[in-house]
Amino acid sequence: MQENEETMDQTKPSGRKPILWIGVVIAAVALGAAGIYGIAGRDGNGGAQVCETSRALAASVDELATGEVAALIIDDAPKPAPELSFVDDSGTERKLSDWKGKAVLFNLWATWCAPCRHEMPALDNLQAEFGGDEFEVVAVNIDTGGDEKPKKFLNDVNVDDLAYYADHTTGVFRELKKAGKAFGLPTTLVIDKDGCEIGHMAGPAQWDSADAKALVEAVIADKRP
């Protein structure tokens, strides 16, 4: 917390106190208004307006979150997906917003995550079938070491179609955890073409199942009223 560095000089004439207090009140009101404006611009007016039209898509996806993808938690009021940063296979920094215009299944995984060993081939199959100009599975490894072990892991489980992304700082996981979206691995976000988060899932899913494919197809088609 920022300390209040203002002090009141009790030796000064009492006639100046009202002026000082008026200044304090005005400053407080201005700061409060700025804070409210900032919150509204980020999560209220700005975020809500950008993602308002995603509500209909979220409602339709909610009806499809059954069976193998029943654990997907749909956001009734979608908001812009967090601006997460990680690197691609060449070491170039990427941001989640780079995929705006595409539907995205964003996934966090690690080599020490036992459920990930089963889930990664399913994600790979999903990417092989639906990946392209309108959709991508963006799977980000968060091992704290280098790339050698994660790449060997992917080779061992026969992953061929997923692009390699990594965040060895684990900052992406911490940011999602702070937002209440990540409690362990794997963690998955479903993001529409406007960059709005439709839903999130904690834990694995059979992403190449008929249930998952129907859900992904709906996000790609994005048939809003």
C-alpha atoms as a PDB file:
ATOM      1  CA  MET A   1       0.000   0.000   0.000  1.00  0.00           C
ATOM      2  CA  GLN A   2       1.169   3.499  -0.785  1.00  0.00           C
ATOM      3  CA  GLU A   3       1.755   5.441   2.372  1.00  0.00           C
ATOM      4  CA  ASN A   4      -0.087   8.693   2.902  1.00  0.00           C
ATOM      5  CA  GLU A   5       2.710  11.233   3.036  1.00  0.00           C
ATOM      6  CA  GLU A   6       0.483  14.247   3.703  1.00  0.00           C
ATOM      7  CA  THR A   7       0.875  15.804   7.143  1.00  0.00           C
ATOM      8  CA  MET A   8      -1.126  18.475   8.926  1.00  0.00           C
ATOM      9  CA  ASP A   9       0.941  21.284  10.508  1.00  0.00           C
ATOM     10  CA  GLN A  10      -0.935  22.036  13.726  1.00  0.00           C
ATOM     11  CA  THR A  11       1.000  25.302  14.227  1.00  0.00           C
ATOM     12  CA  LYS A  12      -0.455  26.942  11.112  1.00  0.00           C
ATOM     13  CA  PRO A  13      -3.427  29.262  11.356  1.00  0.00           C
ATOM     14  CA  SER A  14      -6.725  27.415  11.578  1.00  0.00           C
ATOM     15  CA  GLY A  15      -8.040  29.487   8.662  1.00  0.00           C
ATOM     16  CA  ARG A  16      -5.923  27.472   6.221  1.00  0.00           C
ATOM     17  CA  LYS A  17      -7.289  24.077   7.324  1.00  0.00           C
ATOM     18  CA  PRO A  18     -10.516  24.247   5.309  1.00  0.00           C
ATOM     19  CA  ILE A  19      -8.485  25.013   2.193  1.00  0.00           C
ATOM     20  CA  LEU A  20      -6.198  22.077   2.880  1.00  0.00           C
ATOM     21  CA  TRP A  21      -9.106  19.732   3.499  1.00  0.00           C
ATOM     22  CA  ILE A  22     -10.898  20.911   0.357  1.00  0.00           C
ATOM     23  CA  GLY A  23      -7.745  20.110  -1.612  1.00  0.00           C
ATOM     24  CA  VAL A  24      -7.542  16.653  -0.013  1.00  0.00           C
ATOM     25  CA  VAL A  25     -11.210  15.953  -0.769  1.00  0.00           C
ATOM     26  CA  ILE A  26     -10.861  17.084  -4.384  1.00  0.00           C
ATOM     27  CA  ALA A  27      -7.763  14.935  -4.824  1.00  0.00           C
ATOM     28  CA  ALA A  28      -9.495  11.924  -3.281  1.00  0.00           C
ATOM     29  CA  VAL A  29     -12.530  12.346  -5.496  1.00  0.00           C
ATOM     30  CA  ALA A  30     -10.320  12.701  -8.573  1.00  0.00           C
ATOM     31  CA  LEU A  31      -8.329   9.602  -7.689  1.00  0.00           C
ATOM     32  CA  GLY A  32     -11.498   7.661  -6.976  1.00  0.00           C
ATOM     33  CA  ALA A  33     -13.006   8.687 -10.273  1.00  0.00           C
ATOM     34  CA  ALA A  34      -9.823   7.782 -12.103  1.00  0.00           C
ATOM     35  CA  GLY A  35      -9.783   4.386 -10.379  1.00  0.00           C
ATOM     36  CA  ILE A  36     -13.390   3.702 -11.284  1.00  0.00           C
ATOM     37  CA  TYR A  37     -12.798   4.836 -14.847  1.00  0.00           C
ATOM     38  CA  GLY A  38      -9.729   2.624 -15.119  1.00  0.00           C
ATOM     39  CA  ILE A  39     -11.573  -0.435 -13.824  1.00  0.00           C
ATOM     40  CA  ALA A  40     -14.559   0.234 -16.056  1.00  0.00           C
ATOM     41  CA  GLY A  41     -12.365   0.774 -19.081  1.00  0.00           C
ATOM     42  CA  ARG A  42     -10.508  -2.478 -18.535  1.00  0.00           C
ATOM     43  CA  ASP A  43     -13.103  -4.858 -17.156  1.00  0.00           C
ATOM     44  CA  GLY A  44     -16.331  -2.918 -17.337  1.00  0.00           C
ATOM     45  CA  ASN A  45     -17.221  -0.682 -20.260  1.00  0.00           C
ATOM     46  CA  GLY A  46     -14.293  -1.578 -22.509  1.00  0.00           C
ATOM     47  CA  GLY A  47     -14.205  -5.331 -21.870  1.00  0.00           C
ATOM     48  CA  ALA A  48     -17.966  -5.725 -21.693  1.00  0.00           C
ATOM     49  CA  GLN A  49     -18.546  -3.796 -24.907  1.00  0.00           C
ATOM     50  CA  VAL A  50     -15.897  -5.717 -26.833  1.00  0.00           C
ATOM     51  CA  CYS A  51     -17.255  -9.081 -25.699  1.00  0.00           C
ATOM     52  CA  GLU A  52     -20.974  -8.282 -25.400  1.00  0.00           C
ATOM     53  CA  THR A  53     -21.735 -10.051 -28.666  1.00  0.00           C
ATOM     54  CA  SER A  54     -19.856 -13.137 -27.398  1.00  0.00           C
ATOM     55  CA  ARG A  55     -22.635 -13.824 -24.867  1.00  0.00           C
ATOM     56  CA  ALA A  56     -24.765 -15.603 -27.469  1.00  0.00           C
ATOM     57  CA  LEU A  57     -21.831 -17.782 -28.507  1.00  0.00           C
ATOM     58  CA  ALA A  58     -21.089 -18.615 -24.869  1.00  0.00           C
ATOM     59  CA  ALA A  59     -24.714 -19.666 -24.350  1.00  0.00           C
ATOM     60  CA  SER A  60     -24.629 -21.982 -27.368  1.00  0.00           C
ATOM     61  CA  VAL A  61     -21.281 -23.455 -26.303  1.00  0.00           C
ATOM     62  CA  ASP A  62     -22.660 -24.013 -22.795  1.00  0.00           C
ATOM     63  CA  GLU A  63     -25.259 -26.382 -24.231  1.00  0.00           C
ATOM     64  CA  LEU A  64     -22.461 -28.378 -25.880  1.00  0.00           C
ATOM     65  CA  ALA A  65     -20.270 -28.632 -22.760  1.00  0.00           C
ATOM     66  CA  THR A  66     -21.337 -32.206 -22.028  1.00  0.00           C
ATOM     67  CA  GLY A  67     -19.818 -35.657 -21.923  1.00  0.00           C
ATOM     68  CA  GLU A  68     -16.058 -35.532 -22.413  1.00  0.00           C
ATOM     69  CA  VAL A  69     -16.015 -31.727 -22.064  1.00  0.00           C
ATOM     70  CA  ALA A  70     -18.599 -31.388 -19.282  1.00  0.00           C
ATOM     71  CA  ALA A  71     -15.952 -29.868 -16.975  1.00  0.00           C
ATOM     72  CA  LEU A  72     -15.695 -26.741 -19.154  1.00  0.00           C
ATOM     73  CA  ILE A  73     -16.908 -23.743 -17.147  1.00  0.00           C
ATOM     74  CA  ILE A  74     -18.631 -21.241 -19.408  1.00  0.00           C
ATOM     75  CA  ASP A  75     -18.339 -17.529 -18.696  1.00  0.00           C
ATOM     76  CA  ASP A  76     -21.843 -16.015 -18.728  1.00  0.00           C
ATOM     77  CA  ALA A  77     -20.316 -12.592 -19.390  1.00  0.00           C
ATOM     78  CA  PRO A  78     -17.251 -13.197 -21.612  1.00  0.00           C
ATOM     79  CA  LYS A  79     -14.326 -10.810 -21.202  1.00  0.00           C
ATOM     80  CA  PRO A  80     -11.173 -10.258 -23.256  1.00  0.00           C
ATOM     81  CA  ALA A  81      -8.732 -13.114 -22.766  1.00  0.00           C
ATOM     82  CA  PRO A  82      -5.726 -12.165 -20.627  1.00  0.00           C
ATOM     83  CA  GLU A  83      -2.715 -10.812 -22.516  1.00  0.00           C
ATOM     84  CA  LEU A  84      -0.410 -13.752 -21.847  1.00  0.00           C
ATOM     85  CA  SER A  85       3.181 -13.804 -23.122  1.00  0.00           C
ATOM     86  CA  PHE A  86       5.311 -16.815 -24.069  1.00  0.00           C
ATOM     87  CA  VAL A  87       7.764 -17.796 -26.819  1.00  0.00           C
ATOM     88  CA  ASP A  88       7.525 -19.902 -29.963  1.00  0.00           C
ATOM     89  CA  ASP A  89       9.961 -22.531 -31.208  1.00  0.00           C
ATOM     90  CA  SER A  90      12.329 -19.861 -32.545  1.00  0.00           C
ATOM     91  CA  GLY A  91      12.416 -18.049 -29.190  1.00  0.00           C
ATOM     92  CA  THR A  92      10.317 -15.144 -30.505  1.00  0.00           C
ATOM     93  CA  GLU A  93       7.983 -13.612 -27.948  1.00  0.00           C
ATOM     94  CA  ARG A  94       4.323 -14.188 -28.703  1.00  0.00           C
ATOM     95  CA  LYS A  95       1.197 -12.796 -27.099  1.00  0.00           C
ATOM     96  CA  LEU A  96      -2.193 -14.426 -26.956  1.00  0.00           C
ATOM     97  CA  SER A  97      -3.657 -11.441 -28.773  1.00  0.00           C
ATOM     98  CA  ASP A  98      -1.561 -12.435 -31.829  1.00  0.00           C
ATOM     99  CA  TRP A  99      -4.296 -15.002 -32.530  1.00  0.00           C
ATOM    100  CA  LYS A 100      -7.172 -12.526 -32.617  1.00  0.00           C
ATOM    101  CA  GLY A 101      -9.289 -13.401 -35.627  1.00  0.00           C
ATOM    102  CA  LYS A 102      -8.899 -17.131 -34.909  1.00  0.00           C
ATOM    103  CA  ALA A 103     -10.736 -19.314 -32.428  1.00  0.00           C
ATOM    104  CA  VAL A 104      -8.192 -20.696 -29.960  1.00  0.00           C
ATOM    105  CA  LEU A 105      -7.988 -23.597 -27.551  1.00  0.00           C
ATOM    106  CA  PHE A 106      -5.256 -22.365 -25.204  1.00  0.00           C
ATOM    107  CA  ASN A 107      -3.656 -25.082 -23.089  1.00  0.00           C
ATOM    108  CA  LEU A 108      -0.943 -25.186 -20.411  1.00  0.00           C
ATOM    109  CA  TRP A 109       1.005 -28.412 -19.909  1.00  0.00           C
ATOM    110  CA  ALA A 110       4.226 -29.804 -18.445  1.00  0.00           C
ATOM    111  CA  THR A 111       6.248 -33.000 -18.735  1.00  0.00           C
ATOM    112  CA  TRP A 112       5.696 -33.814 -15.049  1.00  0.00           C
ATOM    113  CA  CYS A 113       1.907 -33.605 -15.494  1.00  0.00           C
ATOM    114  CA  ALA A 114       0.639 -37.195 -15.753  1.00  0.00           C
ATOM    115  CA  PRO A 115      -2.773 -36.290 -17.263  1.00  0.00           C
ATOM    116  CA  CYS A 116      -0.976 -34.222 -19.912  1.00  0.00           C
ATOM    117  CA  ARG A 117       0.627 -37.366 -21.320  1.00  0.00           C
ATOM    118  CA  HIS A 118      -2.846 -38.625 -22.220  1.00  0.00           C
ATOM    119  CA  GLU A 119      -4.264 -35.246 -23.243  1.00  0.00           C
ATOM    120  CA  MET A 120      -1.507 -34.025 -25.570  1.00  0.00           C
ATOM    121  CA  PRO A 121      -2.149 -36.622 -28.324  1.00  0.00           C
ATOM    122  CA  ALA A 122      -5.864 -35.707 -28.213  1.00  0.00           C
ATOM    123  CA  LEU A 123      -4.987 -32.031 -28.611  1.00  0.00           C
ATOM    124  CA  ASP A 124      -2.673 -32.956 -31.459  1.00  0.00           C
ATOM    125  CA  ASN A 125      -5.496 -34.832 -33.196  1.00  0.00           C
ATOM    126  CA  LEU A 126      -7.803 -31.847 -32.712  1.00  0.00           C
ATOM    127  CA  GLN A 127      -5.236 -29.533 -34.279  1.00  0.00           C
ATOM    128  CA  ALA A 128      -4.703 -31.943 -37.174  1.00  0.00           C
ATOM    129  CA  GLU A 129      -8.432 -31.974 -37.948  1.00  0.00           C
ATOM    130  CA  PHE A 130      -9.420 -28.351 -37.311  1.00  0.00           C
ATOM    131  CA  GLY A 131      -6.204 -26.329 -37.322  1.00  0.00           C
ATOM    132  CA  GLY A 132      -5.928 -23.641 -39.982  1.00  0.00           C
ATOM    133  CA  ASP A 133      -6.919 -20.060 -40.716  1.00  0.00           C
ATOM    134  CA  GLU A 134      -9.883 -20.160 -38.319  1.00  0.00           C
ATOM    135  CA  PHE A 135      -8.641 -22.255 -35.391  1.00  0.00           C
ATOM    136  CA  GLU A 136      -5.505 -23.288 -33.544  1.00  0.00           C
ATOM    137  CA  VAL A 137      -4.617 -25.282 -30.475  1.00  0.00           C
ATOM    138  CA  VAL A 138      -2.027 -23.149 -28.692  1.00  0.00           C
ATOM    139  CA  ALA A 139      -0.373 -25.495 -26.194  1.00  0.00           C
ATOM    140  CA  VAL A 140       2.246 -23.834 -23.975  1.00  0.00           C
ATOM    141  CA  ASN A 141       4.788 -25.849 -22.011  1.00  0.00           C
ATOM    142  CA  ILE A 142       5.692 -24.454 -18.584  1.00  0.00           C
ATOM    143  CA  ASP A 143       8.621 -26.677 -17.569  1.00  0.00           C
ATOM    144  CA  THR A 144      11.200 -24.527 -15.797  1.00  0.00           C
ATOM    145  CA  GLY A 145      14.158 -26.083 -17.630  1.00  0.00           C
ATOM    146  CA  GLY A 146      15.037 -25.806 -21.295  1.00  0.00           C
ATOM    147  CA  ASP A 147      13.254 -27.087 -24.376  1.00  0.00           C
ATOM    148  CA  GLU A 148      14.998 -30.451 -24.721  1.00  0.00           C
ATOM    149  CA  LYS A 149      12.853 -32.397 -22.227  1.00  0.00           C
ATOM    150  CA  PRO A 150       9.470 -31.015 -23.397  1.00  0.00           C
ATOM    151  CA  LYS A 151      10.302 -31.696 -27.036  1.00  0.00           C
ATOM    152  CA  LYS A 152      11.356 -35.251 -26.207  1.00  0.00           C
ATOM    153  CA  PHE A 153       8.068 -35.658 -24.320  1.00  0.00           C
ATOM    154  CA  LEU A 154       6.080 -34.563 -27.375  1.00  0.00           C
ATOM    155  CA  ASN A 155       8.051 -36.930 -29.575  1.00  0.00           C
ATOM    156  CA  ASP A 156       7.486 -39.809 -27.149  1.00  0.00           C
ATOM    157  CA  VAL A 157       3.704 -39.320 -27.197  1.00  0.00           C
ATOM    158  CA  ASN A 158       3.668 -38.931 -31.011  1.00  0.00           C
ATOM    159  CA  VAL A 159       2.643 -35.268 -31.192  1.00  0.00           C
ATOM    160  CA  ASP A 160       3.236 -34.001 -34.725  1.00  0.00           C
ATOM    161  CA  ASP A 161       0.765 -31.212 -35.528  1.00  0.00           C
ATOM    162  CA  LEU A 162       0.972 -28.933 -32.487  1.00  0.00           C
ATOM    163  CA  ALA A 163       3.282 -25.936 -32.771  1.00  0.00           C
ATOM    164  CA  TYR A 164       5.758 -25.660 -29.898  1.00  0.00           C
ATOM    165  CA  TYR A 165       5.277 -22.812 -27.419  1.00  0.00           C
ATOM    166  CA  ALA A 166       6.873 -22.412 -24.003  1.00  0.00           C
ATOM    167  CA  ASP A 167       7.042 -20.215 -20.923  1.00  0.00           C
ATOM    168  CA  HIS A 168       9.890 -21.441 -18.752  1.00  0.00           C
ATOM    169  CA  THR A 169       9.251 -18.609 -16.257  1.00  0.00           C
ATOM    170  CA  THR A 170       5.792 -20.101 -15.444  1.00  0.00           C
ATOM    171  CA  GLY A 171       4.499 -16.517 -15.502  1.00  0.00           C
ATOM    172  CA  VAL A 172       1.540 -17.546 -17.676  1.00  0.00           C
ATOM    173  CA  PHE A 173       0.420 -20.103 -15.096  1.00  0.00           C
ATOM    174  CA  ARG A 174       0.813 -17.660 -12.217  1.00  0.00           C
ATOM    175  CA  GLU A 175      -1.237 -15.046 -14.045  1.00  0.00           C
ATOM    176  CA  LEU A 176      -4.063 -17.480 -14.725  1.00  0.00           C
ATOM    177  CA  LYS A 177      -3.887 -18.744 -11.150  1.00  0.00           C
ATOM    178  CA  LYS A 178      -4.233 -15.183  -9.881  1.00  0.00           C
ATOM    179  CA  ALA A 179      -7.335 -14.830 -12.054  1.00  0.00           C
ATOM    180  CA  GLY A 180      -8.804 -18.024 -10.579  1.00  0.00           C
ATOM    181  CA  LYS A 181      -8.455 -19.946 -13.853  1.00  0.00           C
ATOM    182  CA  ALA A 182      -5.533 -22.267 -13.050  1.00  0.00           C
ATOM    183  CA  PHE A 183      -5.226 -24.582 -10.056  1.00  0.00           C
ATOM    184  CA  GLY A 184      -3.070 -27.291 -11.591  1.00  0.00           C
ATOM    185  CA  LEU A 185      -2.273 -28.824 -14.960  1.00  0.00           C
ATOM    186  CA  PRO A 186      -3.523 -29.121 -17.564  1.00  0.00           C
ATOM    187  CA  THR A 187      -5.436 -25.838 -17.768  1.00  0.00           C
ATOM    188  CA  THR A 188      -7.412 -24.830 -20.855  1.00  0.00           C
ATOM    189  CA  LEU A 189      -9.114 -21.665 -22.117  1.00  0.00           C
ATOM    190  CA  VAL A 190     -11.613 -21.506 -24.985  1.00  0.00           C
ATOM    191  CA  ILE A 191     -11.298 -18.184 -26.827  1.00  0.00           C
ATOM    192  CA  ASP A 192     -13.443 -16.918 -29.686  1.00  0.00           C
ATOM    193  CA  LYS A 193     -12.359 -15.045 -32.808  1.00  0.00           C
ATOM    194  CA  ASP A 194     -12.847 -11.679 -31.096  1.00  0.00           C
ATOM    195  CA  GLY A 195     -10.277 -12.643 -28.461  1.00  0.00           C
ATOM    196  CA  CYS A 196     -12.959 -13.118 -25.805  1.00  0.00           C
ATOM    197  CA  GLU A 197     -12.722 -15.926 -23.271  1.00  0.00           C
ATOM    198  CA  ILE A 198     -15.767 -18.177 -23.612  1.00  0.00           C
ATOM    199  CA  GLY A 199     -14.830 -20.701 -20.945  1.00  0.00           C
ATOM    200  CA  HIS A 200     -12.061 -22.425 -19.003  1.00  0.00           C
ATOM    201  CA  MET A 201     -11.307 -25.907 -17.743  1.00  0.00           C
ATOM    202  CA  ALA A 202      -9.157 -27.255 -14.929  1.00  0.00           C
ATOM    203  CA  GLY A 203      -7.943 -30.759 -15.672  1.00  0.00           C
ATOM    204  CA  PRO A 204      -7.757 -32.952 -18.771  1.00  0.00           C
ATOM    205  CA  ALA A 205     -10.360 -33.691 -21.433  1.00  0.00           C
ATOM    206  CA  GLN A 206     -10.593 -35.977 -24.429  1.00  0.00           C
ATOM    207  CA  TRP A 207     -10.264 -33.153 -26.918  1.00  0.00           C
ATOM    208  CA  ASP A 208     -10.548 -35.370 -29.991  1.00  0.00           C
ATOM    209  CA  SER A 209     -13.861 -36.864 -28.845  1.00  0.00           C
ATOM    210  CA  ALA A 210     -17.160 -36.237 -30.620  1.00  0.00           C
ATOM    211  CA  ASP A 211     -18.274 -34.009 -27.717  1.00  0.00           C
ATOM    212  CA  ALA A 212     -15.161 -31.841 -27.944  1.00  0.00           C
ATOM    213  CA  LYS A 213     -15.299 -31.613 -31.728  1.00  0.00           C
ATOM    214  CA  ALA A 214     -18.913 -30.439 -31.673  1.00  0.00           C
ATOM    215  CA  LEU A 215     -17.998 -27.746 -29.159  1.00  0.00           C
ATOM    216  CA  VAL A 216     -14.958 -26.591 -31.134  1.00  0.00           C
ATOM    217  CA  GLU A 217     -16.953 -26.552 -34.364  1.00  0.00           C
ATOM    218  CA  ALA A 218     -19.500 -24.249 -32.717  1.00  0.00           C
ATOM    219  CA  VAL A 219     -16.753 -21.837 -31.612  1.00  0.00           C
ATOM    220  CA  ILE A 220     -15.252 -21.850 -35.106  1.00  0.00           C
ATOM    221  CA  ALA A 221     -18.616 -21.382 -36.840  1.00  0.00           C
ATOM    222  CA  ASP A 222     -19.564 -18.660 -34.323  1.00  0.00           C
ATOM    223  CA  LYS A 223     -23.182 -18.345 -35.478  1.00  0.00           C
ATOM    224  CA  ARG A 224     -24.437 -15.426 -33.434  1.00  0.00           C
ATOM    225  CA  PRO A 225     -27.933 -13.962 -33.735  1.00  0.00           C
END
